[in-house]
């Protein structure tokens, strides 16, 4: 991120964003990616079916991979579980 005068590179503030599934986080991430250095923390203890948990996690990861691949400014979103 550069300041308005383009003189120096400023570090973005870091943001840890909790996500319970991919669709819930998409709009938030797309709005914040230019302002924050985002790490998505995937966690949902309410899902007791392992297949459902994996499906939601995989959807989140697929969205982030696509977002990172298509980033024109080099912004990347990290993922932790």
PDB file of N, CA and C in Angstrom:
ATOM      1  N   UNK A   1       0.861  -1.172   0.000  1.00  0.00           N
ATOM      2  CA  UNK A   1       0.000   0.000   0.000  1.00  0.00           C
ATOM      3  C   UNK A   1       0.901   1.227   0.000  1.00  0.00           C
ATOM      4  N   UNK A   2       0.632   2.179  -0.870  1.00  0.00           N
ATOM      5  CA  UNK A   2       1.427   3.397  -0.904  1.00  0.00           C
ATOM      6  C   UNK A   2       0.623   4.541  -0.324  1.00  0.00           C
ATOM      7  N   UNK A   3       1.339   5.519   0.171  1.00  0.00           N
ATOM      8  CA  UNK A   3       0.642   6.698   0.676  1.00  0.00           C
ATOM      9  C   UNK A   3       0.177   7.529  -0.516  1.00  0.00           C
ATOM     10  N   UNK A   4      -0.619   8.567  -0.299  1.00  0.00           N
ATOM     11  CA  UNK A   4      -1.170   9.339  -1.419  1.00  0.00           C
ATOM     12  C   UNK A   4      -0.111   9.951  -2.335  1.00  0.00           C
ATOM     13  N   UNK A   5       1.099  10.128  -1.826  1.00  0.00           N
ATOM     14  CA  UNK A   5       2.159  10.736  -2.619  1.00  0.00           C
ATOM     15  C   UNK A   5       3.028   9.690  -3.311  1.00  0.00           C
ATOM     16  N   UNK A   6       2.761   8.416  -3.061  1.00  0.00           N
ATOM     17  CA  UNK A   6       3.489   7.335  -3.699  1.00  0.00           C
ATOM     18  C   UNK A   6       4.937   7.208  -3.276  1.00  0.00           C
ATOM     19  N   UNK A   7       5.314   7.793  -2.151  1.00  0.00           N
ATOM     20  CA  UNK A   7       6.715   7.831  -1.747  1.00  0.00           C
ATOM     21  C   UNK A   7       7.199   6.564  -1.054  1.00  0.00           C
ATOM     22  N   UNK A   8       6.412   6.019  -0.193  1.00  0.00           N
ATOM     23  CA  UNK A   8       6.883   4.870   0.571  1.00  0.00           C
ATOM     24  C   UNK A   8       5.794   3.817   0.661  1.00  0.00           C
ATOM     25  N   UNK A   9       6.220   2.630   0.912  1.00  0.00           N
ATOM     26  CA  UNK A   9       5.282   1.526   1.030  1.00  0.00           C
ATOM     27  C   UNK A   9       4.859   1.418   2.495  1.00  0.00           C
ATOM     28  N   UNK A  10       3.571   1.453   2.730  1.00  0.00           N
ATOM     29  CA  UNK A  10       3.045   1.329   4.080  1.00  0.00           C
ATOM     30  C   UNK A  10       2.523  -0.083   4.282  1.00  0.00           C
ATOM     31  N   UNK A  11       2.745  -0.614   5.465  1.00  0.00           N
ATOM     32  CA  UNK A  11       2.244  -1.952   5.763  1.00  0.00           C
ATOM     33  C   UNK A  11       0.776  -1.871   6.146  1.00  0.00           C
ATOM     34  N   UNK A  12      -0.002  -2.775   5.584  1.00  0.00           N
ATOM     35  CA  UNK A  12      -1.430  -2.814   5.909  1.00  0.00           C
ATOM     36  C   UNK A  12      -1.616  -3.348   7.322  1.00  0.00           C
ATOM     37  N   UNK A  13      -2.648  -2.874   8.019  1.00  0.00           N
ATOM     38  CA  UNK A  13      -2.962  -3.468   9.316  1.00  0.00           C
ATOM     39  C   UNK A  13      -3.394  -4.920   9.114  1.00  0.00           C
ATOM     40  N   UNK A  14      -3.071  -5.755  10.081  1.00  0.00           N
ATOM     41  CA  UNK A  14      -3.425  -7.172   9.991  1.00  0.00           C
ATOM     42  C   UNK A  14      -4.808  -7.411  10.571  1.00  0.00           C
ATOM     43  N   UNK A  15      -5.534  -8.338   9.946  1.00  0.00           N
ATOM     44  CA  UNK A  15      -6.890  -8.667  10.382  1.00  0.00           C
ATOM     45  C   UNK A  15      -7.056 -10.181  10.389  1.00  0.00           C
ATOM     46  N   UNK A  16      -7.458 -10.734  11.521  1.00  0.00           N
ATOM     47  CA  UNK A  16      -7.804 -12.148  11.622  1.00  0.00           C
ATOM     48  C   UNK A  16      -9.317 -12.231  11.525  1.00  0.00           C
ATOM     49  N   UNK A  17      -9.798 -12.881  10.474  1.00  0.00           N
ATOM     50  CA  UNK A  17     -11.228 -12.954  10.201  1.00  0.00           C
ATOM     51  C   UNK A  17     -11.725 -14.369  10.429  1.00  0.00           C
ATOM     52  N   UNK A  18     -12.662 -14.526  11.350  1.00  0.00           N
ATOM     53  CA  UNK A  18     -13.253 -15.838  11.591  1.00  0.00           C
ATOM     54  C   UNK A  18     -14.251 -16.141  10.487  1.00  0.00           C
ATOM     55  N   UNK A  19     -14.222 -17.387  10.016  1.00  0.00           N
ATOM     56  CA  UNK A  19     -15.163 -17.828   8.995  1.00  0.00           C
ATOM     57  C   UNK A  19     -15.673 -19.215   9.352  1.00  0.00           C
ATOM     58  N   UNK A  20     -16.981 -19.401   9.198  1.00  0.00           N
ATOM     59  CA  UNK A  20     -17.582 -20.713   9.461  1.00  0.00           C
ATOM     60  C   UNK A  20     -17.861 -21.454   8.163  1.00  0.00           C
ATOM     61  N   UNK A  21     -17.827 -20.746   7.033  1.00  0.00           N
ATOM     62  CA  UNK A  21     -18.006 -21.361   5.719  1.00  0.00           C
ATOM     63  C   UNK A  21     -17.614 -20.335   4.658  1.00  0.00           C
ATOM     64  N   UNK A  22     -17.343 -20.815   3.460  1.00  0.00           N
ATOM     65  CA  UNK A  22     -16.895 -19.923   2.394  1.00  0.00           C
ATOM     66  C   UNK A  22     -17.872 -18.826   2.022  1.00  0.00           C
ATOM     67  N   UNK A  23     -19.130 -19.160   1.744  1.00  0.00           N
ATOM     68  CA  UNK A  23     -20.075 -18.132   1.299  1.00  0.00           C
ATOM     69  C   UNK A  23     -20.273 -16.982   2.290  1.00  0.00           C
ATOM     70  N   UNK A  24     -20.156 -17.265   3.570  1.00  0.00           N
ATOM     71  CA  UNK A  24     -20.360 -16.208   4.575  1.00  0.00           C
ATOM     72  C   UNK A  24     -19.258 -15.152   4.536  1.00  0.00           C
ATOM     73  N   UNK A  25     -18.079 -15.512   4.078  1.00  0.00           N
ATOM     74  CA  UNK A  25     -16.951 -14.592   4.157  1.00  0.00           C
ATOM     75  C   UNK A  25     -16.646 -13.852   2.857  1.00  0.00           C
ATOM     76  N   UNK A  26     -17.229 -14.268   1.754  1.00  0.00           N
ATOM     77  CA  UNK A  26     -16.810 -13.728   0.458  1.00  0.00           C
ATOM     78  C   UNK A  26     -16.962 -12.215   0.341  1.00  0.00           C
ATOM     79  N   UNK A  27     -18.116 -11.693   0.659  1.00  0.00           N
ATOM     80  CA  UNK A  27     -18.348 -10.247   0.511  1.00  0.00           C
ATOM     81  C   UNK A  27     -17.456  -9.441   1.449  1.00  0.00           C
ATOM     82  N   UNK A  28     -17.278  -9.932   2.661  1.00  0.00           N
ATOM     83  CA  UNK A  28     -16.440  -9.227   3.636  1.00  0.00           C
ATOM     84  C   UNK A  28     -14.991  -9.174   3.148  1.00  0.00           C
ATOM     85  N   UNK A  29     -14.477 -10.306   2.708  1.00  0.00           N
ATOM     86  CA  UNK A  29     -13.091 -10.360   2.237  1.00  0.00           C
ATOM     87  C   UNK A  29     -12.897  -9.457   1.027  1.00  0.00           C
ATOM     88  N   UNK A  30     -13.815  -9.493   0.083  1.00  0.00           N
ATOM     89  CA  UNK A  30     -13.688  -8.663  -1.111  1.00  0.00           C
ATOM     90  C   UNK A  30     -13.699  -7.176  -0.773  1.00  0.00           C
ATOM     91  N   UNK A  31     -14.408  -6.792   0.249  1.00  0.00           N
ATOM     92  CA  UNK A  31     -14.451  -5.376   0.645  1.00  0.00           C
ATOM     93  C   UNK A  31     -13.207  -4.951   1.423  1.00  0.00           C
ATOM     94  N   UNK A  32     -12.603  -5.877   2.166  1.00  0.00           N
ATOM     95  CA  UNK A  32     -11.503  -5.516   3.057  1.00  0.00           C
ATOM     96  C   UNK A  32     -10.114  -5.795   2.499  1.00  0.00           C
ATOM     97  N   UNK A  33     -10.010  -6.566   1.430  1.00  0.00           N
ATOM     98  CA  UNK A  33      -8.699  -7.016   0.960  1.00  0.00           C
ATOM     99  C   UNK A  33      -7.769  -5.864   0.573  1.00  0.00           C
ATOM    100  N   UNK A  34      -8.283  -4.782   0.099  1.00  0.00           N
ATOM    101  CA  UNK A  34      -7.434  -3.658  -0.273  1.00  0.00           C
ATOM    102  C   UNK A  34      -6.932  -2.851   0.907  1.00  0.00           C
ATOM    103  N   UNK A  35      -7.571  -3.002   2.053  1.00  0.00           N
ATOM    104  CA  UNK A  35      -7.240  -2.203   3.225  1.00  0.00           C
ATOM    105  C   UNK A  35      -6.452  -2.976   4.276  1.00  0.00           C
ATOM    106  N   UNK A  36      -6.705  -4.274   4.381  1.00  0.00           N
ATOM    107  CA  UNK A  36      -6.101  -5.093   5.431  1.00  0.00           C
ATOM    108  C   UNK A  36      -5.319  -6.264   4.857  1.00  0.00           C
ATOM    109  N   UNK A  37      -4.357  -6.717   5.625  1.00  0.00           N
ATOM    110  CA  UNK A  37      -3.674  -7.977   5.358  1.00  0.00           C
ATOM    111  C   UNK A  37      -4.476  -9.039   6.108  1.00  0.00           C
ATOM    112  N   UNK A  38      -5.226  -9.858   5.386  1.00  0.00           N
ATOM    113  CA  UNK A  38      -6.235 -10.730   5.992  1.00  0.00           C
ATOM    114  C   UNK A  38      -5.732 -12.161   6.128  1.00  0.00           C
ATOM    115  N   UNK A  39      -5.994 -12.726   7.299  1.00  0.00           N
ATOM    116  CA  UNK A  39      -5.847 -14.158   7.524  1.00  0.00           C
ATOM    117  C   UNK A  39      -7.213 -14.675   7.927  1.00  0.00           C
ATOM    118  N   UNK A  40      -7.698 -15.672   7.199  1.00  0.00           N
ATOM    119  CA  UNK A  40      -8.999 -16.271   7.500  1.00  0.00           C
ATOM    120  C   UNK A  40      -8.780 -17.448   8.440  1.00  0.00           C
ATOM    121  N   UNK A  41      -9.474 -17.412   9.564  1.00  0.00           N
ATOM    122  CA  UNK A  41      -9.442 -18.500  10.539  1.00  0.00           C
ATOM    123  C   UNK A  41     -10.739 -19.278  10.397  1.00  0.00           C
ATOM    124  N   UNK A  42     -10.643 -20.479   9.833  1.00  0.00           N
ATOM    125  CA  UNK A  42     -11.823 -21.311   9.627  1.00  0.00           C
ATOM    126  C   UNK A  42     -12.054 -22.157  10.869  1.00  0.00           C
ATOM    127  N   UNK A  43     -13.247 -22.010  11.443  1.00  0.00           N
ATOM    128  CA  UNK A  43     -13.579 -22.766  12.651  1.00  0.00           C
ATOM    129  C   UNK A  43     -15.093 -22.796  12.789  1.00  0.00           C
ATOM    130  N   UNK A  44     -15.645 -23.990  12.981  1.00  0.00           N
ATOM    131  CA  UNK A  44     -17.078 -24.110  13.201  1.00  0.00           C
ATOM    132  C   UNK A  44     -17.361 -25.368  14.027  1.00  0.00           C
ATOM    133  N   UNK A  45     -17.410 -25.229  15.349  1.00  0.00           N
ATOM    134  CA  UNK A  45     -17.637 -26.390  16.208  1.00  0.00           C
ATOM    135  C   UNK A  45     -19.078 -26.893  16.172  1.00  0.00           C
ATOM    136  N   UNK A  46     -19.967 -26.175  15.510  1.00  0.00           N
ATOM    137  CA  UNK A  46     -21.370 -26.595  15.441  1.00  0.00           C
ATOM    138  C   UNK A  46     -21.610 -27.675  14.390  1.00  0.00           C
ATOM    139  N   UNK A  47     -20.622 -27.952  13.580  1.00  0.00           N
ATOM    140  CA  UNK A  47     -20.761 -28.988  12.556  1.00  0.00           C
ATOM    141  C   UNK A  47     -20.193 -30.282  13.117  1.00  0.00           C
ATOM    142  N   UNK A  48     -21.060 -31.243  13.351  1.00  0.00           N
ATOM    143  CA  UNK A  48     -20.580 -32.505  13.914  1.00  0.00           C
ATOM    144  C   UNK A  48     -20.388 -33.590  12.859  1.00  0.00           C
ATOM    145  N   UNK A  49     -20.797 -33.328  11.638  1.00  0.00           N
ATOM    146  CA  UNK A  49     -20.598 -34.272  10.544  1.00  0.00           C
ATOM    147  C   UNK A  49     -19.273 -33.937   9.842  1.00  0.00           C
ATOM    148  N   UNK A  50     -18.291 -34.828   9.900  1.00  0.00           N
ATOM    149  CA  UNK A  50     -16.986 -34.537   9.290  1.00  0.00           C
ATOM    150  C   UNK A  50     -17.064 -34.202   7.797  1.00  0.00           C
ATOM    151  N   UNK A  51     -17.956 -34.852   7.079  1.00  0.00           N
ATOM    152  CA  UNK A  51     -18.085 -34.563   5.645  1.00  0.00           C
ATOM    153  C   UNK A  51     -18.581 -33.139   5.404  1.00  0.00           C
ATOM    154  N   UNK A  52     -19.528 -32.694   6.204  1.00  0.00           N
ATOM    155  CA  UNK A  52     -20.042 -31.326   6.071  1.00  0.00           C
ATOM    156  C   UNK A  52     -18.955 -30.316   6.418  1.00  0.00           C
ATOM    157  N   UNK A  53     -18.195 -30.597   7.470  1.00  0.00           N
ATOM    158  CA  UNK A  53     -17.096 -29.718   7.872  1.00  0.00           C
ATOM    159  C   UNK A  53     -16.089 -29.580   6.727  1.00  0.00           C
ATOM    160  N   UNK A  54     -15.686 -30.716   6.151  1.00  0.00           N
ATOM    161  CA  UNK A  54     -14.717 -30.699   5.057  1.00  0.00           C
ATOM    162  C   UNK A  54     -15.266 -29.967   3.830  1.00  0.00           C
ATOM    163  N   UNK A  55     -16.532 -30.155   3.552  1.00  0.00           N
ATOM    164  CA  UNK A  55     -17.166 -29.480   2.410  1.00  0.00           C
ATOM    165  C   UNK A  55     -17.113 -27.963   2.590  1.00  0.00           C
ATOM    166  N   UNK A  56     -17.441 -27.497   3.775  1.00  0.00           N
ATOM    167  CA  UNK A  56     -17.405 -26.048   4.039  1.00  0.00           C
ATOM    168  C   UNK A  56     -15.977 -25.512   4.012  1.00  0.00           C
ATOM    169  N   UNK A  57     -15.057 -26.267   4.603  1.00  0.00           N
ATOM    170  CA  UNK A  57     -13.654 -25.851   4.598  1.00  0.00           C
ATOM    171  C   UNK A  57     -13.118 -25.797   3.170  1.00  0.00           C
ATOM    172  N   UNK A  58     -13.405 -26.827   2.393  1.00  0.00           N
ATOM    173  CA  UNK A  58     -12.912 -26.878   1.016  1.00  0.00           C
ATOM    174  C   UNK A  58     -13.479 -25.747   0.161  1.00  0.00           C
ATOM    175  N   UNK A  59     -14.729 -25.377   0.407  1.00  0.00           N
ATOM    176  CA  UNK A  59     -15.329 -24.246  -0.304  1.00  0.00           C
ATOM    177  C   UNK A  59     -14.604 -22.956   0.051  1.00  0.00           C
ATOM    178  N   UNK A  60     -14.263 -22.791   1.328  1.00  0.00           N
ATOM    179  CA  UNK A  60     -13.523 -21.603   1.767  1.00  0.00           C
ATOM    180  C   UNK A  60     -12.158 -21.547   1.091  1.00  0.00           C
ATOM    181  N   UNK A  61     -11.451 -22.661   1.095  1.00  0.00           N
ATOM    182  CA  UNK A  61     -10.119 -22.718   0.490  1.00  0.00           C
ATOM    183  C   UNK A  61     -10.190 -22.450  -1.016  1.00  0.00           C
ATOM    184  N   UNK A  62     -11.173 -23.022  -1.695  1.00  0.00           N
ATOM    185  CA  UNK A  62     -11.322 -22.807  -3.140  1.00  0.00           C
ATOM    186  C   UNK A  62     -11.557 -21.328  -3.453  1.00  0.00           C
ATOM    187  N   UNK A  63     -12.396 -20.677  -2.666  1.00  0.00           N
ATOM    188  CA  UNK A  63     -12.644 -19.250  -2.875  1.00  0.00           C
ATOM    189  C   UNK A  63     -11.359 -18.445  -2.687  1.00  0.00           C
ATOM    190  N   UNK A  64     -10.623 -18.726  -1.618  1.00  0.00           N
ATOM    191  CA  UNK A  64      -9.390 -17.979  -1.353  1.00  0.00           C
ATOM    192  C   UNK A  64      -8.341 -18.227  -2.436  1.00  0.00           C
ATOM    193  N   UNK A  65      -8.234 -19.461  -2.902  1.00  0.00           N
ATOM    194  CA  UNK A  65      -7.283 -19.760  -3.981  1.00  0.00           C
ATOM    195  C   UNK A  65      -7.623 -18.973  -5.241  1.00  0.00           C
ATOM    196  N   UNK A  66      -8.901 -18.928  -5.583  1.00  0.00           N
ATOM    197  CA  UNK A  66      -9.327 -18.184  -6.773  1.00  0.00           C
ATOM    198  C   UNK A  66      -9.074 -16.686  -6.589  1.00  0.00           C
ATOM    199  N   UNK A  67      -9.389 -16.177  -5.421  1.00  0.00           N
ATOM    200  CA  UNK A  67      -9.174 -14.758  -5.132  1.00  0.00           C
ATOM    201  C   UNK A  67      -7.691 -14.414  -5.231  1.00  0.00           C
ATOM    202  N   UNK A  68      -6.844 -15.252  -4.647  1.00  0.00           N
ATOM    203  CA  UNK A  68      -5.403 -14.998  -4.673  1.00  0.00           C
ATOM    204  C   UNK A  68      -4.838 -15.085  -6.091  1.00  0.00           C
ATOM    205  N   UNK A  69      -5.329 -16.011  -6.886  1.00  0.00           N
ATOM    206  CA  UNK A  69      -4.851 -16.158  -8.265  1.00  0.00           C
ATOM    207  C   UNK A  69      -5.242 -14.967  -9.131  1.00  0.00           C
ATOM    208  N   UNK A  70      -6.387 -14.366  -8.856  1.00  0.00           N
ATOM    209  CA  UNK A  70      -6.897 -13.273  -9.685  1.00  0.00           C
ATOM    210  C   UNK A  70      -6.554 -11.887  -9.154  1.00  0.00           C
ATOM    211  N   UNK A  71      -5.778 -11.816  -8.093  1.00  0.00           N
ATOM    212  CA  UNK A  71      -5.443 -10.530  -7.494  1.00  0.00           C
ATOM    213  C   UNK A  71      -4.524  -9.736  -8.423  1.00  0.00           C
ATOM    214  N   UNK A  72      -4.960  -8.546  -8.806  1.00  0.00           N
ATOM    215  CA  UNK A  72      -4.144  -7.732  -9.712  1.00  0.00           C
ATOM    216  C   UNK A  72      -3.146  -6.849  -8.959  1.00  0.00           C
ATOM    217  N   UNK A  73      -3.331  -6.683  -7.663  1.00  0.00           N
ATOM    218  CA  UNK A  73      -2.432  -5.845  -6.878  1.00  0.00           C
ATOM    219  C   UNK A  73      -1.486  -6.659  -6.000  1.00  0.00           C
ATOM    220  N   UNK A  74      -1.543  -7.968  -6.106  1.00  0.00           N
ATOM    221  CA  UNK A  74      -0.661  -8.804  -5.298  1.00  0.00           C
ATOM    222  C   UNK A  74      -1.167  -9.056  -3.890  1.00  0.00           C
ATOM    223  N   UNK A  75      -2.391  -8.634  -3.608  1.00  0.00           N
ATOM    224  CA  UNK A  75      -2.960  -8.893  -2.286  1.00  0.00           C
ATOM    225  C   UNK A  75      -3.256 -10.376  -2.154  1.00  0.00           C
ATOM    226  N   UNK A  76      -2.884 -10.947  -1.023  1.00  0.00           N
ATOM    227  CA  UNK A  76      -3.141 -12.362  -0.776  1.00  0.00           C
ATOM    228  C   UNK A  76      -3.847 -12.515   0.559  1.00  0.00           C
ATOM    229  N   UNK A  77      -4.749 -13.477   0.594  1.00  0.00           N
ATOM    230  CA  UNK A  77      -5.454 -13.805   1.829  1.00  0.00           C
ATOM    231  C   UNK A  77      -4.922 -15.151   2.296  1.00  0.00           C
ATOM    232  N   UNK A  78      -4.494 -15.207   3.546  1.00  0.00           N
ATOM    233  CA  UNK A  78      -3.965 -16.441   4.120  1.00  0.00           C
ATOM    234  C   UNK A  78      -5.101 -17.239   4.747  1.00  0.00           C
ATOM    235  N   UNK A  79      -4.852 -18.523   4.976  1.00  0.00           N
ATOM    236  CA  UNK A  79      -5.859 -19.423   5.549  1.00  0.00           C
ATOM    237  C   UNK A  79      -5.233 -20.225   6.671  1.00  0.00           C
ATOM    238  N   UNK A  80      -5.932 -20.276   7.813  1.00  0.00           N
ATOM    239  CA  UNK A  80      -5.535 -21.164   8.906  1.00  0.00           C
ATOM    240  C   UNK A  80      -6.772 -21.876   9.412  1.00  0.00           C
ATOM    241  N   UNK A  81      -6.536 -23.017  10.008  1.00  0.00           N
ATOM    242  CA  UNK A  81      -7.650 -23.824  10.512  1.00  0.00           C
ATOM    243  C   UNK A  81      -7.344 -24.245  11.929  1.00  0.00           C
TER     244      UNK A  81
END
